[in-house]
Amino acid sequence: MPLLLEAKNIKVRFKTARGTIYAVNGVDLSLNKGEVLGIVGESGSGKTQLMHSLIKLLPDNAVVSGEIIYQGQNIAQASLTQINKIRNNEIAMIFQDPMSCLNPYLKISTQLTEAMLIDRNLRKPEALRQAVEMLEKVQIPNARQRIHSYPYQLSGGMRQRVMLAMALLRKPKILIADEPTTALDVTVQADILQLLKKLTIEYGLSVLLVTHDLSIVAGQCDRVMVMYAGKVVEQAGVDNLFYHAKHPYTQGLLASAKSQSGMSNKLISIPGQAPANNKRIQGCPFSPRCDQRIELCDKNMPILSGSPSQLQACHLYGEFQ
């Protein structure tokens, strides 16, 4: 599959009154055409900040370095006008909480048609017609009536479908889905994921799917990138990751997921907690929590190494900085 998006050595720092926050620490990312790449890890691992850095959605106190190559252009250097054009037509994003992203004072019809009226110079009746068709695509019942609702009049599942419709109306090549089912109950979550998978195939989308739920990764993704403390610790195809995980952190996540799903007789968790992100880390960031650590782990930062089909940043297998 042809390469569509490539990020090289992305670092995200936040300048605060209490010092520097090291959110993303040298991440490489590649996304092929038609591929679904899962990004997994605990809260605070840098997943969302990495996604926001790709389309410049970070606040003013953020400092981003590295390259983001999209269709041969380094969009990390793009102007606001250029990046707005990319957001509107090339790379769309579905956010974690649709209620905080939809304007509560505007009807759904206004929010769905705004971009089409401005960017494509469509007349309002045509824009409204396309919006209704897209709401029907994302399986909102009575779409012709629902489109005139305010966000508070819709359920959580319907609001997430509206966000999906809003993204697809832009006809993007890449869809970033940041925890798209976090606030939904299990039944609605399954419906949204099934719909997302169907529409991904129908529209030929490439997807960056951010989640902490490995069961979602198993059902949705082609390839997986595991993040911890702002770094990628393992990267592999779905089957390799689930059946031949190498990094102790990935192994811990899988063991925990199995125990929560009832596949294990006891509840398993990773001891300890992720390191604070306001300090530079000398050795492996997972070392304090790792039951397989060796002396080298506390002294040197491991780098991703291995075969093209599976990379891991662990001293048990590879190299270090």
Protein backbone atom coordinates (compact mmCIF):
# COMPACT_ATOMS: atom_id res chain seq x y z
CA MET A 1 0.00 0.00 0.00
CA PRO A 2 1.34 3.49 -0.84
CA LEU A 3 2.47 5.69 2.03
CA LEU A 4 0.03 8.52 2.71
CA LEU A 5 1.29 10.20 5.91
CA GLU A 6 4.64 10.07 7.64
CA ALA A 7 5.74 11.77 10.85
CA LYS A 8 9.40 11.84 11.86
CA ASN A 9 10.82 12.44 15.34
CA ILE A 10 7.76 14.32 16.64
CA LYS A 11 8.32 16.03 19.98
CA VAL A 12 5.67 18.02 21.83
CA ARG A 13 6.59 20.23 24.77
CA PHE A 14 4.31 22.48 26.81
CA LYS A 15 5.77 25.55 28.48
CA THR A 16 3.97 26.11 31.80
CA ALA A 17 4.48 28.21 34.92
CA ARG A 18 5.71 25.07 36.70
CA GLY A 19 8.19 24.12 33.99
CA THR A 20 8.24 22.10 30.79
CA ILE A 21 5.86 19.19 30.15
CA TYR A 22 7.34 16.50 27.89
CA ALA A 23 4.20 15.10 26.23
CA VAL A 24 5.58 13.39 23.12
CA ASN A 25 9.22 12.33 22.97
CA GLY A 26 10.49 11.56 19.50
CA VAL A 27 7.75 9.54 17.80
CA ASP A 28 7.84 8.24 14.22
CA LEU A 29 4.56 7.35 12.55
CA SER A 30 3.55 6.10 9.11
CA LEU A 31 0.09 5.55 7.65
CA ASN A 32 -0.54 3.76 4.37
CA LYS A 33 -3.46 4.35 2.04
CA GLY A 34 -6.50 2.34 3.15
CA GLU A 35 -4.86 1.30 6.43
CA VAL A 36 -6.29 1.48 9.96
CA LEU A 37 -3.51 2.18 12.45
CA GLY A 38 -4.33 1.80 16.12
CA ILE A 39 -2.54 3.91 18.74
CA VAL A 40 -2.91 2.43 22.22
CA GLY A 41 -1.61 3.15 25.70
CA GLU A 42 -2.66 4.35 29.14
CA SER A 43 -4.00 7.83 29.77
CA GLY A 44 -1.13 10.31 29.65
CA SER A 45 0.94 8.29 27.19
CA GLY A 46 0.82 11.10 24.59
CA LYS A 47 -1.65 9.58 22.11
CA THR A 48 -3.98 12.57 21.83
CA GLN A 49 -1.19 15.16 21.85
CA LEU A 50 0.49 13.28 19.01
CA MET A 51 -2.74 13.33 16.98
CA HIS A 52 -3.32 17.03 17.67
CA SER A 53 0.24 17.83 16.60
CA LEU A 54 -0.39 16.30 13.16
CA ILE A 55 -2.97 18.98 12.29
CA LYS A 56 -1.79 21.79 14.56
CA LEU A 57 -4.59 21.70 17.12
CA LEU A 58 -2.34 22.28 20.12
CA PRO A 59 -2.57 25.37 22.37
CA ASP A 60 -0.25 28.37 22.07
CA ASN A 61 2.12 27.16 24.81
CA ALA A 62 2.95 24.01 22.83
CA VAL A 63 6.32 23.67 21.09
CA VAL A 64 6.36 21.04 18.33
CA SER A 65 9.40 19.79 16.45
CA GLY A 66 9.87 17.14 13.77
CA GLU A 67 8.54 16.57 10.28
CA ILE A 68 4.98 15.70 9.19
CA ILE A 69 5.02 14.67 5.54
CA TYR A 70 1.65 14.57 3.79
CA GLN A 71 1.59 14.08 0.03
CA GLY A 72 5.20 15.18 -0.24
CA GLN A 73 4.74 18.38 1.79
CA ASN A 74 6.06 19.03 5.29
CA ILE A 75 2.84 20.34 6.83
CA ALA A 76 4.62 20.99 10.13
CA GLN A 77 5.79 24.19 8.40
CA ALA A 78 2.38 24.98 6.85
CA SER A 79 0.74 28.36 7.43
CA LEU A 80 -2.60 28.66 9.21
CA THR A 81 -4.35 29.10 5.86
CA GLN A 82 -2.72 25.97 4.47
CA ILE A 83 -3.41 23.85 7.54
CA ASN A 84 -7.05 24.99 7.62
CA LYS A 85 -7.40 23.82 4.03
CA ILE A 86 -5.94 20.45 4.97
CA ARG A 87 -8.29 20.16 7.98
CA ASN A 88 -11.29 21.03 5.84
CA ASN A 89 -10.52 18.77 2.89
CA GLU A 90 -7.83 16.22 3.65
CA ILE A 91 -7.56 15.18 7.32
CA ALA A 92 -10.68 15.12 9.52
CA MET A 93 -10.90 14.35 13.21
CA ILE A 94 -13.55 12.83 15.48
CA PHE A 95 -13.02 13.94 19.06
CA GLN A 96 -13.46 12.03 22.29
CA ASP A 97 -16.43 14.01 23.66
CA PRO A 98 -18.91 15.13 20.98
CA MET A 99 -20.89 17.29 23.41
CA SER A 100 -17.87 19.51 24.03
CA CYS A 101 -17.12 19.75 20.29
CA LEU A 102 -20.61 20.51 19.02
CA ASN A 103 -21.82 24.07 19.58
CA PRO A 104 -24.77 23.83 21.98
CA TYR A 105 -26.27 27.07 20.63
CA LEU A 106 -26.43 25.97 16.99
CA LYS A 107 -28.67 23.42 15.35
CA ILE A 108 -27.06 20.35 13.84
CA SER A 109 -28.07 21.59 10.37
CA THR A 110 -25.95 24.73 10.76
CA GLN A 111 -22.92 22.84 12.03
CA LEU A 112 -23.07 20.22 9.29
CA THR A 113 -23.51 22.63 6.39
CA GLU A 114 -21.17 25.45 7.47
CA ALA A 115 -18.02 24.03 5.87
CA MET A 116 -19.81 23.16 2.63
CA LEU A 117 -21.27 26.67 2.32
CA ILE A 118 -17.90 28.34 2.89
CA ASP A 119 -15.41 25.99 1.24
CA ARG A 120 -17.43 24.57 -1.64
CA ASN A 121 -19.71 27.55 -2.30
CA LEU A 122 -22.77 25.31 -2.28
CA ARG A 123 -26.23 26.80 -2.00
CA LYS A 124 -27.95 26.09 1.29
CA PRO A 125 -30.62 23.66 -0.08
CA GLU A 126 -27.92 21.51 -1.72
CA ALA A 127 -25.72 21.57 1.39
CA LEU A 128 -28.70 20.60 3.53
CA ARG A 129 -29.58 17.76 1.16
CA GLN A 130 -26.05 16.34 1.37
CA ALA A 131 -26.06 16.69 5.16
CA VAL A 132 -29.33 14.75 5.45
CA GLU A 133 -27.97 12.02 3.17
CA MET A 134 -24.88 11.71 5.34
CA LEU A 135 -26.96 11.50 8.52
CA GLU A 136 -28.84 8.65 6.89
CA LYS A 137 -25.49 7.04 6.02
CA VAL A 138 -24.45 7.11 9.67
CA GLN A 139 -27.81 5.55 10.55
CA ILE A 140 -29.55 8.39 12.37
CA PRO A 141 -33.31 7.66 12.19
CA ASN A 142 -35.65 10.38 10.91
CA ALA A 143 -32.65 12.32 9.61
CA ARG A 144 -34.79 14.99 7.92
CA GLN A 145 -36.27 15.91 11.28
CA ARG A 146 -33.22 15.24 13.46
CA ILE A 147 -31.02 17.58 11.46
CA HIS A 148 -32.93 20.55 12.91
CA SER A 149 -32.22 19.43 16.50
CA TYR A 150 -29.81 21.02 18.96
CA PRO A 151 -27.01 18.78 20.32
CA TYR A 152 -28.63 18.48 23.76
CA GLN A 153 -31.69 16.92 22.13
CA LEU A 154 -29.64 13.97 20.87
CA SER A 155 -28.31 10.97 22.75
CA GLY A 156 -24.58 10.38 23.16
CA GLY A 157 -24.57 7.79 20.39
CA MET A 158 -26.41 10.13 18.02
CA ARG A 159 -24.02 13.00 18.78
CA GLN A 160 -21.08 10.75 17.95
CA ARG A 161 -22.79 9.81 14.67
CA VAL A 162 -23.22 13.51 13.93
CA MET A 163 -19.48 14.01 14.49
CA LEU A 164 -18.77 11.14 12.11
CA ALA A 165 -21.13 12.63 9.52
CA MET A 166 -19.46 16.04 9.90
CA ALA A 167 -16.06 14.48 9.27
CA LEU A 168 -17.19 12.46 6.24
CA LEU A 169 -18.93 15.44 4.62
CA ARG A 170 -15.45 16.91 4.12
CA LYS A 171 -14.52 13.86 2.00
CA PRO A 172 -11.19 13.40 3.79
CA LYS A 173 -8.42 11.01 2.86
CA ILE A 174 -7.44 10.50 6.52
CA LEU A 175 -9.74 10.20 9.52
CA ILE A 176 -8.36 10.62 13.04
CA ALA A 177 -10.69 8.99 15.56
CA ASP A 178 -9.67 9.91 19.12
CA GLU A 179 -11.36 7.55 21.59
CA PRO A 180 -14.61 7.76 19.57
CA THR A 181 -16.58 5.45 21.88
CA THR A 182 -15.26 6.32 25.35
CA ALA A 183 -18.43 7.92 26.76
CA LEU A 184 -20.86 5.42 25.23
CA ASP A 185 -22.43 2.31 26.72
CA VAL A 186 -21.32 -1.08 25.42
CA THR A 187 -24.20 -1.65 22.99
CA VAL A 188 -23.93 1.80 21.39
CA GLN A 189 -20.15 1.45 21.32
CA ALA A 190 -20.42 -1.73 19.26
CA ASP A 191 -22.82 -0.05 16.83
CA ILE A 192 -20.52 2.94 16.33
CA LEU A 193 -17.47 0.73 15.76
CA GLN A 194 -19.33 -1.44 13.27
CA LEU A 195 -20.49 1.68 11.44
CA LEU A 196 -16.98 3.18 11.46
CA LYS A 197 -15.54 0.00 9.97
CA LYS A 198 -18.20 -0.13 7.25
CA LEU A 199 -17.74 3.53 6.28
CA THR A 200 -13.95 3.24 6.34
CA ILE A 201 -14.17 0.58 3.64
CA GLU A 202 -16.92 2.36 1.69
CA TYR A 203 -15.07 5.69 1.53
CA GLY A 204 -11.58 4.21 1.21
CA LEU A 205 -10.36 6.04 4.29
CA SER A 206 -7.05 5.74 6.06
CA VAL A 207 -7.67 5.86 9.81
CA LEU A 208 -5.66 6.73 12.90
CA LEU A 209 -7.66 5.14 15.72
CA VAL A 210 -6.70 6.22 19.24
CA THR A 211 -7.93 3.98 22.03
CA HIS A 212 -6.98 2.36 25.33
CA ASP A 213 -9.21 -0.65 24.59
CA LEU A 214 -7.33 -3.56 23.00
CA SER A 215 -10.57 -5.32 22.04
CA ILE A 216 -11.33 -2.37 19.73
CA VAL A 217 -7.87 -2.70 18.20
CA ALA A 218 -8.43 -6.40 17.54
CA GLY A 219 -11.64 -5.75 15.62
CA GLN A 220 -10.74 -2.56 13.78
CA CYS A 221 -7.03 -2.22 13.05
CA ASP A 222 -4.46 -3.56 10.61
CA ARG A 223 -1.43 -2.39 12.55
CA VAL A 224 -0.84 -1.20 16.13
CA MET A 225 1.48 1.33 17.75
CA VAL A 226 1.83 1.05 21.55
CA MET A 227 2.80 4.26 23.38
CA TYR A 228 4.14 4.76 26.89
CA ALA A 229 5.38 8.01 28.46
CA GLY A 230 5.34 9.84 25.15
CA LYS A 231 7.29 7.18 23.25
CA VAL A 232 6.48 4.23 21.00
CA VAL A 233 7.49 1.02 22.79
CA GLU A 234 6.17 -1.51 20.27
CA GLN A 235 4.78 -1.51 16.76
CA ALA A 236 3.42 -4.51 14.85
CA GLY A 237 0.61 -5.98 12.83
CA VAL A 238 -2.45 -6.91 14.88
CA ASP A 239 -1.80 -10.68 14.85
CA ASN A 240 1.86 -10.27 15.77
CA LEU A 241 1.01 -7.94 18.62
CA PHE A 242 -1.69 -10.12 20.13
CA TYR A 243 0.08 -13.47 19.74
CA HIS A 244 3.76 -12.50 19.91
CA ALA A 245 3.99 -9.29 21.98
CA LYS A 246 7.58 -8.63 23.00
CA HIS A 247 7.67 -5.48 25.09
CA PRO A 248 6.84 -6.12 28.78
CA TYR A 249 4.40 -3.16 28.74
CA THR A 250 2.47 -4.60 25.80
CA GLN A 251 2.44 -7.99 27.51
CA GLY A 252 1.06 -6.34 30.65
CA LEU A 253 -1.70 -4.57 28.70
CA LEU A 254 -2.73 -7.82 27.03
CA ALA A 255 -2.73 -9.75 30.31
CA SER A 256 -4.82 -7.02 31.95
CA ALA A 257 -7.29 -7.00 29.04
CA LYS A 258 -7.68 -10.78 29.21
CA SER A 259 -8.35 -10.72 32.94
CA GLN A 260 -10.98 -8.00 32.58
CA SER A 261 -12.76 -9.93 29.83
CA GLY A 262 -12.99 -13.05 32.00
CA MET A 263 -10.31 -15.01 30.09
CA SER A 264 -8.20 -15.21 33.25
CA ASN A 265 -9.10 -16.52 36.72
CA LYS A 266 -7.63 -13.52 38.51
CA LEU A 267 -7.57 -9.77 37.95
CA ILE A 268 -4.21 -8.72 36.53
CA SER A 269 -2.87 -5.18 36.46
CA ILE A 270 0.47 -3.49 35.82
CA PRO A 271 1.92 -2.39 39.18
CA GLY A 272 2.90 1.22 39.81
CA GLN A 273 2.07 4.19 37.65
CA ALA A 274 3.40 6.00 34.60
CA PRO A 275 6.25 8.46 35.25
CA ALA A 276 5.59 12.17 35.63
CA ASN A 277 5.92 13.97 32.31
CA ASN A 278 7.63 17.05 33.76
CA LYS A 279 11.06 15.43 33.90
CA ARG A 280 13.44 14.00 31.32
CA ILE A 281 13.90 10.26 31.69
CA GLN A 282 17.40 8.79 31.35
CA GLY A 283 16.68 5.08 31.03
CA CYS A 284 13.68 3.06 29.92
CA PRO A 285 10.52 4.87 31.13
CA PHE A 286 8.83 1.55 31.91
CA SER A 287 11.74 0.25 33.98
CA PRO A 288 10.28 1.02 37.47
CA ARG A 289 7.16 -1.05 36.67
CA CYS A 290 8.84 -3.84 34.71
CA ASP A 291 9.30 -7.33 36.18
CA GLN A 292 11.84 -8.21 33.45
CA ARG A 293 14.17 -5.23 33.85
CA ILE A 294 17.92 -5.61 33.78
CA GLU A 295 20.68 -3.24 34.95
CA LEU A 296 20.88 -1.53 31.56
CA CYS A 297 17.23 -0.45 31.74
CA ASP A 298 17.86 2.22 34.38
CA LYS A 299 20.82 3.75 32.52
CA ASN A 300 20.07 3.85 28.81
CA MET A 301 16.98 4.65 26.72
CA PRO A 302 16.14 1.75 24.37
CA ILE A 303 15.30 2.53 20.74
CA LEU A 304 12.90 0.80 18.37
CA SER A 305 14.56 -2.13 16.66
CA GLY A 306 13.64 -5.46 15.15
CA SER A 307 12.12 -6.62 11.88
CA PRO A 308 9.94 -4.40 9.63
CA SER A 309 6.90 -6.42 10.74
CA GLN A 310 7.55 -5.88 14.47
CA LEU A 311 9.57 -3.25 16.28
CA GLN A 312 10.10 -2.94 20.01
CA ALA A 313 12.03 -0.57 22.26
CA CYS A 314 13.37 -2.95 24.88
CA HIS A 315 16.86 -3.89 26.10
CA LEU A 316 15.88 -7.55 26.09
CA TYR A 317 15.92 -7.45 22.29
CA GLY A 318 17.70 -4.46 20.84
CA GLU A 319 19.66 -1.28 20.87
CA PHE A 320 19.85 1.85 23.02
CA GLN A 321 20.70 5.52 22.69
